[in-house]
N, C-alpha and C. Protein backbone atom coordinates (compact mmCIF):
# COMPACT_ATOMS: atom_id res chain seq x y z
N MET A 1 31.53 -8.81 40.55
CA MET A 1 32.34 -8.31 41.62
C MET A 1 32.05 -9.16 42.85
N THR A 2 33.04 -9.32 43.68
CA THR A 2 32.88 -10.13 44.88
C THR A 2 32.72 -9.25 46.11
N LEU A 3 31.74 -9.60 46.96
CA LEU A 3 31.55 -8.94 48.24
C LEU A 3 32.15 -9.83 49.31
N HIS A 4 33.10 -9.33 50.06
CA HIS A 4 33.69 -10.08 51.17
C HIS A 4 32.98 -9.68 52.45
N GLN A 5 32.29 -10.61 53.07
CA GLN A 5 31.54 -10.35 54.29
C GLN A 5 32.37 -10.75 55.50
N PRO A 6 32.04 -10.18 56.66
CA PRO A 6 32.74 -10.61 57.88
C PRO A 6 32.51 -12.10 58.12
N GLU A 7 33.45 -12.75 58.80
CA GLU A 7 33.36 -14.19 59.02
C GLU A 7 32.10 -14.60 59.77
N MET A 8 31.54 -13.68 60.58
CA MET A 8 30.34 -14.04 61.34
C MET A 8 29.11 -14.17 60.45
N PHE A 9 29.20 -13.65 59.22
CA PHE A 9 28.09 -13.75 58.29
C PHE A 9 28.36 -14.86 57.27
N ARG A 10 27.64 -14.83 56.20
CA ARG A 10 27.80 -15.85 55.15
C ARG A 10 29.11 -15.68 54.40
N ARG A 11 29.36 -16.63 53.54
CA ARG A 11 30.56 -16.56 52.70
C ARG A 11 30.43 -15.41 51.70
N SER A 12 31.48 -15.12 50.99
CA SER A 12 31.50 -14.05 50.01
C SER A 12 30.44 -14.29 48.95
N ARG A 13 29.89 -13.20 48.42
CA ARG A 13 28.86 -13.31 47.40
C ARG A 13 29.23 -12.47 46.20
N ARG A 14 28.64 -12.80 45.07
CA ARG A 14 28.94 -12.09 43.83
C ARG A 14 27.77 -11.21 43.43
N VAL A 15 28.10 -10.00 42.98
CA VAL A 15 27.11 -9.05 42.49
C VAL A 15 27.62 -8.44 41.19
N ARG A 16 26.70 -7.89 40.43
CA ARG A 16 27.09 -7.17 39.22
C ARG A 16 27.18 -5.69 39.56
N VAL A 17 28.26 -5.08 39.15
CA VAL A 17 28.48 -3.66 39.41
C VAL A 17 28.74 -2.98 38.07
N ALA A 18 27.96 -1.93 37.79
CA ALA A 18 28.12 -1.19 36.54
C ALA A 18 29.19 -0.12 36.70
N ALA A 19 30.07 -0.06 35.73
CA ALA A 19 31.11 0.97 35.72
C ALA A 19 30.54 2.26 35.14
N SER A 20 31.15 3.38 35.49
CA SER A 20 30.75 4.67 34.94
C SER A 20 31.18 4.73 33.48
N LYS A 21 30.79 5.80 32.80
CA LYS A 21 31.19 5.97 31.39
C LYS A 21 32.70 6.01 31.24
N GLY A 22 33.39 6.46 32.30
CA GLY A 22 34.85 6.51 32.28
C GLY A 22 35.50 5.19 32.66
N GLY A 23 34.68 4.16 32.95
CA GLY A 23 35.20 2.84 33.29
C GLY A 23 35.52 2.65 34.76
N GLU A 24 35.12 3.61 35.62
CA GLU A 24 35.42 3.51 37.04
C GLU A 24 34.27 2.84 37.80
N LEU A 25 34.62 2.05 38.80
CA LEU A 25 33.63 1.40 39.65
C LEU A 25 33.30 2.32 40.82
N PRO A 26 32.08 2.22 41.38
CA PRO A 26 31.75 3.05 42.55
C PRO A 26 32.63 2.69 43.73
N THR A 27 32.92 3.68 44.59
CA THR A 27 33.76 3.44 45.76
C THR A 27 32.98 2.80 46.89
N ARG A 28 31.65 2.95 46.89
CA ARG A 28 30.78 2.35 47.91
C ARG A 28 29.55 1.78 47.26
N LEU A 29 29.07 0.68 47.84
CA LEU A 29 27.79 0.08 47.46
C LEU A 29 26.92 0.05 48.71
N ILE A 30 25.67 0.42 48.57
CA ILE A 30 24.73 0.34 49.69
C ILE A 30 23.59 -0.57 49.28
N ASP A 31 23.38 -1.63 50.07
CA ASP A 31 22.35 -2.64 49.81
C ASP A 31 22.39 -3.13 48.36
N PRO A 32 23.53 -3.68 47.91
CA PRO A 32 23.61 -4.16 46.52
C PRO A 32 22.69 -5.35 46.29
N ILE A 33 22.45 -5.65 45.03
CA ILE A 33 21.58 -6.76 44.63
C ILE A 33 22.44 -7.84 43.99
N ASP A 34 22.27 -9.09 44.46
CA ASP A 34 23.09 -10.17 43.91
C ASP A 34 22.55 -10.61 42.54
N ARG A 35 23.21 -11.58 41.95
CA ARG A 35 22.85 -12.02 40.60
C ARG A 35 21.50 -12.71 40.54
N LYS A 36 20.94 -13.07 41.69
CA LYS A 36 19.61 -13.69 41.73
C LYS A 36 18.52 -12.68 42.08
N GLY A 37 18.88 -11.39 42.19
CA GLY A 37 17.91 -10.35 42.47
C GLY A 37 17.64 -10.11 43.94
N ARG A 38 18.44 -10.69 44.83
CA ARG A 38 18.24 -10.52 46.27
C ARG A 38 19.08 -9.35 46.79
N VAL A 39 18.48 -8.55 47.67
CA VAL A 39 19.21 -7.44 48.29
C VAL A 39 20.13 -7.99 49.36
N ILE A 40 21.37 -7.52 49.37
CA ILE A 40 22.35 -7.89 50.39
C ILE A 40 22.50 -6.66 51.28
N PRO A 41 21.87 -6.67 52.47
CA PRO A 41 21.89 -5.47 53.32
C PRO A 41 23.30 -5.11 53.79
N GLY A 42 23.58 -3.83 53.80
CA GLY A 42 24.85 -3.35 54.31
C GLY A 42 25.51 -2.37 53.38
N GLU A 43 26.61 -1.83 53.86
CA GLU A 43 27.41 -0.89 53.08
C GLU A 43 28.75 -1.56 52.79
N TRP A 44 29.23 -1.41 51.57
CA TRP A 44 30.44 -2.09 51.10
C TRP A 44 31.40 -1.07 50.51
N ALA A 45 32.68 -1.17 50.85
CA ALA A 45 33.71 -0.25 50.36
C ALA A 45 34.63 -0.97 49.38
N ALA A 46 35.01 -0.27 48.33
CA ALA A 46 35.93 -0.84 47.34
C ALA A 46 37.29 -1.10 47.98
N ALA A 47 37.89 -2.21 47.60
CA ALA A 47 39.21 -2.61 48.13
C ALA A 47 39.91 -3.45 47.09
N THR A 48 41.13 -3.85 47.42
CA THR A 48 41.90 -4.74 46.56
C THR A 48 42.27 -5.97 47.36
N ASP A 49 42.05 -7.14 46.79
CA ASP A 49 42.38 -8.40 47.44
C ASP A 49 43.90 -8.61 47.43
N GLU A 50 44.37 -9.62 48.14
CA GLU A 50 45.81 -9.91 48.24
C GLU A 50 46.45 -10.13 46.87
N ASP A 51 45.68 -10.67 45.93
CA ASP A 51 46.24 -10.94 44.60
C ASP A 51 46.02 -9.79 43.62
N GLY A 52 45.53 -8.64 44.12
CA GLY A 52 45.33 -7.47 43.27
C GLY A 52 43.95 -7.38 42.63
N THR A 53 43.08 -8.33 42.92
CA THR A 53 41.73 -8.33 42.37
C THR A 53 40.87 -7.30 43.09
N ALA A 54 40.07 -6.55 42.34
CA ALA A 54 39.16 -5.58 42.94
C ALA A 54 38.00 -6.31 43.62
N VAL A 55 37.70 -5.94 44.84
CA VAL A 55 36.62 -6.53 45.62
C VAL A 55 35.93 -5.42 46.41
N TYR A 56 34.84 -5.77 47.07
CA TYR A 56 34.18 -4.87 48.01
C TYR A 56 34.16 -5.56 49.36
N ARG A 57 34.52 -4.82 50.40
CA ARG A 57 34.52 -5.36 51.76
C ARG A 57 33.42 -4.69 52.58
N TRP A 58 32.83 -5.48 53.49
CA TRP A 58 31.74 -5.00 54.33
C TRP A 58 32.22 -3.84 55.17
N ALA A 59 31.48 -2.72 55.11
CA ALA A 59 31.86 -1.52 55.86
C ALA A 59 30.86 -1.20 56.96
N GLY A 60 29.81 -1.99 57.09
CA GLY A 60 28.83 -1.78 58.15
C GLY A 60 27.42 -1.65 57.63
N SER A 61 26.55 -1.27 58.52
CA SER A 61 25.14 -1.12 58.21
C SER A 61 24.88 0.32 57.75
N PRO A 62 24.16 0.51 56.64
CA PRO A 62 23.86 1.86 56.20
C PRO A 62 22.99 2.61 57.19
N ALA A 63 22.18 1.90 57.96
CA ALA A 63 21.33 2.55 58.97
C ALA A 63 22.20 3.20 60.04
N LEU A 64 23.30 2.57 60.42
CA LEU A 64 24.21 3.14 61.42
C LEU A 64 24.96 4.34 60.87
N ALA A 65 25.25 4.32 59.58
CA ALA A 65 26.00 5.40 58.97
C ALA A 65 25.18 6.69 58.89
N THR A 66 23.86 6.58 58.82
CA THR A 66 23.03 7.76 58.70
C THR A 66 22.52 8.25 60.04
N ALA A 67 22.76 7.50 61.11
CA ALA A 67 22.23 7.88 62.43
C ALA A 67 23.04 8.99 63.05
């Protein structure tokens, strides 16, 4: 799955996302781990790219969401 970050940060990154038993992807990711095992800080919301591809877009910092 691709994470689309704001332009002020790094380029988009790829992570592995496990689907549920019903084949559905989570609607939010918090601090996901990339394919090299590194944590990518932040909260990510499921979205659809211009070409219909499923992606996750940066939704902010999880620390701000819980404050």
